[in-house]
Amino acid sequence: MSLLENKIGIVFGVANKRSIAWAIAQAWKKAGATLAFTYQGDRLKENVEELAGTFGPETLILPCDVTKDDDIARVFSEVGAKFGRLDLALHSVAFAPKDALEGEFVNTSREAFRVAHDVSAYSLVAIARAAAPLMTQGGSIVAMTYYGSEKVVPHYNVMGVAKAALEASTRYLAYDLGPKRIRVNCISAGPVNTLAARGISGFSEMLKHYEAHSPLKRNVLPEELGATGTFLASDGAAAITGQVIYVDAGYQIMGM
């Protein structure tokens, strides 16, 4: 029996074939899950439709602006109408204005701070709240985070603060939803060459630094994030909730 056989999941955050969300979606599908997808705006619609369409012409693909509660409510209403329940949700959504990911954090504008937290952290709360009523048999919610939430990573700036809020939100959600057998966890991924990552100033140097200083002397592979996402979604992780799981070739353990 496949790890995720008969599981129904929804994926937020696929932008293109390099997306971590796509790597995890592929792993979930391979493990037996049936998936729905959302996309952010017309700019990404074609990419998501092309990728998700490889899972079958009947794959549910829905627009969703995670800053709009009505959009989130509509998505989960349609998921409920088609499947009747939900078992898995992936939150791989983050955004901050480009100028907030350059220069000094002290110069972060109020608006950039608000946007980063709304899109990157509060959206997890909103998605979990809407998903919970459909997770009638329990469920697993997985969010993506990064080490810049706990240590200073130059140029990550306000996104690091937003990821810290995301991780704290994960713990509070795990507490609230635990009685419903809904687990909420984060994967803290090492740097991966995604569309979002390329917006961070100095990203190529970050990749070289991780390769040089992590215990495994390499960067993490997308399929390794997919494998961890599958484990967290499976019954093998039934007693794991509120945690941040580091998949970064060991970089997080290093002091020097």
Protein backbone atom coordinates (compact mmCIF):
# COMPACT_ATOMS: atom_id res chain seq x y z
CA MET A 1 0.00 0.00 0.00
CA SER A 2 1.34 3.46 -0.92
CA LEU A 3 2.05 5.87 1.94
CA LEU A 4 -0.63 8.37 0.90
CA GLU A 5 -3.11 6.07 -0.83
CA ASN A 6 -6.67 7.47 -0.76
CA LYS A 7 -5.43 10.79 0.68
CA ILE A 8 -6.82 14.04 -0.72
CA GLY A 9 -4.53 17.08 -0.69
CA ILE A 10 -4.32 20.69 -1.81
CA VAL A 11 -1.14 22.49 -2.82
CA PHE A 12 -0.60 26.24 -2.47
CA GLY A 13 2.52 27.77 -3.98
CA VAL A 14 3.48 26.12 -7.26
CA ALA A 15 5.01 28.75 -9.55
CA ASN A 16 7.00 26.61 -12.00
CA LYS A 17 8.79 23.27 -12.26
CA ARG A 18 11.57 24.48 -9.92
CA SER A 19 9.16 25.24 -7.06
CA ILE A 20 9.58 23.34 -3.82
CA ALA A 21 5.80 23.02 -3.82
CA TRP A 22 6.00 21.16 -7.12
CA ALA A 23 8.68 18.79 -5.79
CA ILE A 24 6.47 17.94 -2.81
CA ALA A 25 3.36 17.67 -4.98
CA GLN A 26 5.14 15.16 -7.24
CA ALA A 27 6.20 13.13 -4.21
CA TRP A 28 2.68 13.19 -2.76
CA LYS A 29 1.25 12.06 -6.09
CA LYS A 30 3.81 9.26 -6.40
CA ALA A 31 2.84 8.13 -2.89
CA GLY A 32 -0.78 7.79 -3.97
CA ALA A 33 -2.45 11.11 -3.09
CA THR A 34 -5.05 12.87 -5.21
CA LEU A 35 -4.24 16.58 -5.39
CA ALA A 36 -5.84 19.93 -6.12
CA PHE A 37 -3.77 23.04 -6.91
CA THR A 38 -4.12 26.78 -6.59
CA TYR A 39 -2.36 29.53 -8.47
CA GLN A 40 -1.72 33.19 -7.72
CA GLY A 41 -2.93 35.43 -10.54
CA ASP A 42 -3.05 35.07 -14.31
CA ARG A 43 0.73 35.35 -14.59
CA LEU A 44 1.17 31.89 -13.05
CA LYS A 45 -2.01 30.28 -14.32
CA GLU A 46 -0.51 28.75 -17.46
CA ASN A 47 2.49 27.29 -15.59
CA VAL A 48 0.36 25.68 -12.92
CA GLU A 49 -2.18 24.34 -15.41
CA GLU A 50 0.60 22.80 -17.50
CA LEU A 51 2.28 21.12 -14.51
CA ALA A 52 -0.83 20.06 -12.62
CA GLY A 53 -2.38 18.85 -15.84
CA THR A 54 0.25 16.09 -15.99
CA PHE A 55 -1.58 14.52 -13.03
CA GLY A 56 -4.66 14.05 -15.20
CA PRO A 57 -7.21 16.21 -17.01
CA GLU A 58 -9.60 16.00 -14.06
CA THR A 59 -7.13 17.69 -11.66
CA LEU A 60 -8.78 20.56 -9.80
CA ILE A 61 -6.89 23.83 -10.42
CA LEU A 62 -8.22 26.98 -8.76
CA PRO A 63 -7.20 30.67 -8.60
CA CYS A 64 -6.49 31.95 -5.10
CA ASP A 65 -5.15 35.19 -3.70
CA VAL A 66 -4.20 34.16 -0.15
CA THR A 67 -4.63 37.74 1.08
CA LYS A 68 -8.37 37.49 0.37
CA ASP A 69 -10.54 35.44 2.74
CA ASP A 70 -13.26 35.13 0.11
CA ASP A 71 -10.81 33.48 -2.29
CA ILE A 72 -9.69 31.00 0.36
CA ALA A 73 -13.28 30.21 1.31
CA ARG A 74 -14.20 29.61 -2.34
CA VAL A 75 -11.24 27.27 -2.87
CA PHE A 76 -12.14 25.06 0.08
CA SER A 77 -15.82 25.12 -0.85
CA GLU A 78 -14.93 23.75 -4.28
CA VAL A 79 -12.56 21.17 -2.79
CA GLY A 80 -15.33 20.06 -0.43
CA ALA A 81 -17.85 19.87 -3.25
CA LYS A 82 -15.56 17.69 -5.38
CA PHE A 83 -13.96 15.43 -2.78
CA GLY A 84 -16.12 15.69 0.33
CA ARG A 85 -13.10 15.83 2.62
CA LEU A 86 -9.42 16.79 2.80
CA ASP A 87 -6.39 15.08 4.33
CA LEU A 88 -3.37 17.17 3.32
CA ALA A 89 -2.50 20.82 2.71
CA LEU A 90 0.81 22.30 1.60
CA HIS A 91 1.55 25.97 2.27
CA SER A 92 4.51 27.08 0.18
CA VAL A 93 3.62 30.75 -0.11
CA ALA A 94 5.85 33.73 0.66
CA PHE A 95 6.33 37.24 -0.68
CA ALA A 96 7.98 40.52 0.24
CA PRO A 97 8.53 43.55 -2.01
CA LYS A 98 11.86 43.30 -3.81
CA ASP A 99 13.28 46.47 -2.24
CA ALA A 100 12.70 44.95 1.21
CA LEU A 101 15.07 42.08 0.31
CA GLU A 102 17.93 44.45 -0.46
CA GLY A 103 19.87 46.82 1.75
CA GLU A 104 19.32 46.99 5.51
CA PHE A 105 16.41 45.55 7.51
CA VAL A 106 16.19 48.76 9.53
CA ASN A 107 14.89 50.50 6.40
CA THR A 108 11.93 48.11 5.97
CA SER A 109 8.82 50.14 5.28
CA ARG A 110 5.63 49.64 7.26
CA GLU A 111 3.85 48.49 4.09
CA ALA A 112 6.56 45.95 3.17
CA PHE A 113 6.39 44.56 6.72
CA ARG A 114 2.61 44.25 6.51
CA VAL A 115 2.62 42.59 3.09
CA ALA A 116 5.36 40.10 4.01
CA HIS A 117 3.50 38.98 7.12
CA ASP A 118 0.09 38.86 5.46
CA VAL A 119 1.21 36.73 2.51
CA SER A 120 3.91 34.65 4.19
CA ALA A 121 2.52 34.01 7.69
CA TYR A 122 -1.13 34.96 8.17
CA SER A 123 -2.09 33.01 5.06
CA LEU A 124 -1.19 29.79 6.89
CA VAL A 125 -3.65 30.67 9.64
CA ALA A 126 -6.38 31.46 7.11
CA ILE A 127 -5.74 28.28 5.12
CA ALA A 128 -5.67 26.09 8.24
CA ARG A 129 -8.93 27.60 9.49
CA ALA A 130 -10.64 26.90 6.16
CA ALA A 131 -9.11 23.42 5.76
CA ALA A 132 -9.94 22.14 9.24
CA PRO A 133 -13.69 21.54 8.71
CA LEU A 134 -12.87 19.30 5.73
CA MET A 135 -10.26 17.29 7.65
CA THR A 136 -12.92 15.11 9.23
CA GLN A 137 -10.55 12.14 9.56
CA GLY A 138 -7.63 14.20 10.80
CA GLY A 139 -5.00 15.65 8.53
CA SER A 140 -1.53 17.07 7.95
CA ILE A 141 -0.71 20.68 7.11
CA VAL A 142 2.87 21.32 5.97
CA ALA A 143 4.40 24.78 5.59
CA MET A 144 7.76 25.82 4.14
CA THR A 145 10.18 27.93 6.16
CA TYR A 146 13.88 28.85 6.21
CA TYR A 147 16.75 29.25 8.70
CA GLY A 148 16.59 33.05 8.31
CA SER A 149 13.71 32.86 10.80
CA GLU A 150 16.11 32.23 13.69
CA LYS A 151 19.49 33.61 12.58
CA VAL A 152 20.41 36.65 10.53
CA VAL A 153 20.85 35.90 6.84
CA PRO A 154 21.96 39.09 5.09
CA HIS A 155 19.37 40.42 2.62
CA TYR A 156 16.67 37.99 3.80
CA ASN A 157 15.53 40.84 6.02
CA VAL A 158 11.77 41.11 6.58
CA MET A 159 11.19 37.65 5.13
CA GLY A 160 13.16 36.19 8.02
CA VAL A 161 10.89 37.99 10.48
CA ALA A 162 7.82 36.77 8.58
CA LYS A 163 9.13 33.19 8.63
CA ALA A 164 9.60 33.48 12.40
CA ALA A 165 5.93 34.46 12.60
CA LEU A 166 5.06 31.49 10.36
CA GLU A 167 6.89 29.08 12.67
CA ALA A 168 5.23 30.51 15.78
CA SER A 169 1.86 30.28 14.02
CA THR A 170 2.58 26.62 13.28
CA ARG A 171 2.97 25.89 16.98
CA TYR A 172 -0.24 27.66 17.97
CA LEU A 173 -2.15 26.01 15.13
CA ALA A 174 -0.80 22.62 16.18
CA TYR A 175 -2.15 23.23 19.67
CA ASP A 176 -5.58 24.40 18.50
CA LEU A 177 -6.07 21.69 15.88
CA GLY A 178 -4.49 18.78 17.72
CA PRO A 179 -7.77 17.61 19.30
CA LYS A 180 -9.12 17.21 15.74
CA ARG A 181 -6.10 15.02 14.86
CA ILE A 182 -4.82 17.70 12.50
CA ARG A 183 -1.04 18.06 12.57
CA VAL A 184 0.80 21.23 11.54
CA ASN A 185 4.54 21.23 10.82
CA CYS A 186 7.20 23.20 8.95
CA ILE A 187 10.01 22.06 6.70
CA SER A 188 13.00 24.38 6.93
CA ALA A 189 14.70 23.89 3.58
CA GLY A 190 18.25 24.73 2.67
CA PRO A 191 18.57 27.11 -0.29
CA VAL A 192 17.03 25.81 -3.52
CA ASN A 193 17.20 27.60 -6.85
CA THR A 194 13.54 28.62 -7.10
CA LEU A 195 11.85 31.66 -8.63
CA ALA A 196 11.35 33.17 -5.15
CA ALA A 197 14.94 32.49 -4.05
CA ARG A 198 16.39 34.27 -7.06
CA GLY A 199 14.77 37.45 -5.78
CA ILE A 200 17.10 37.46 -2.77
CA SER A 201 20.24 39.51 -3.25
CA GLY A 202 23.38 37.34 -3.05
CA PHE A 203 21.52 34.04 -3.48
CA SER A 204 24.25 32.39 -5.60
CA GLU A 205 26.78 33.13 -2.85
CA MET A 206 24.38 31.55 -0.34
CA LEU A 207 24.36 28.30 -2.33
CA LYS A 208 28.17 28.20 -2.36
CA HIS A 209 28.32 28.96 1.39
CA TYR A 210 25.96 26.10 2.28
CA GLU A 211 27.90 23.68 0.12
CA ALA A 212 31.16 24.67 1.79
CA HIS A 213 29.95 24.74 5.41
CA SER A 214 27.20 22.14 5.81
CA PRO A 215 28.24 18.76 7.27
CA LEU A 216 27.20 16.96 4.08
CA LYS A 217 29.17 19.45 1.93
CA ARG A 218 26.35 19.91 -0.56
CA ASN A 219 23.03 21.61 -1.09
CA VAL A 220 19.67 19.96 -0.59
CA LEU A 221 17.87 18.43 -3.57
CA PRO A 222 14.21 19.12 -4.39
CA GLU A 223 13.37 15.42 -4.27
CA GLU A 224 14.72 15.26 -0.71
CA LEU A 225 12.24 17.95 0.30
CA GLY A 226 9.57 15.91 -1.46
CA ALA A 227 10.50 12.85 0.60
CA THR A 228 10.29 14.79 3.86
CA GLY A 229 6.98 16.30 2.82
CA THR A 230 5.65 12.82 2.14
CA PHE A 231 6.80 11.55 5.54
CA LEU A 232 5.13 14.46 7.35
CA ALA A 233 1.93 13.81 5.40
CA SER A 234 1.95 10.10 6.22
CA ASP A 235 0.80 8.09 9.20
CA GLY A 236 4.47 7.55 10.03
CA ALA A 237 4.48 11.12 11.38
CA ALA A 238 1.22 10.67 13.31
CA ALA A 239 2.80 11.86 16.58
CA ILE A 240 4.73 14.79 15.09
CA THR A 241 3.14 18.24 15.24
CA GLY A 242 4.20 21.81 15.84
CA GLN A 243 7.74 21.05 14.69
CA VAL A 244 10.29 22.61 12.36
CA ILE A 245 12.10 19.85 10.47
CA TYR A 246 15.44 20.96 8.99
CA VAL A 247 16.27 19.59 5.56
CA ASP A 248 19.44 21.54 4.85
CA ALA A 249 22.32 19.05 4.64
CA GLY A 250 22.92 19.72 8.34
CA TYR A 251 23.75 23.42 8.05
CA GLN A 252 21.50 24.37 10.98
CA ILE A 253 23.66 22.50 13.52
CA MET A 254 26.83 24.45 12.73
CA GLY A 255 28.19 27.17 14.96
CA MET A 256 31.17 28.04 12.78
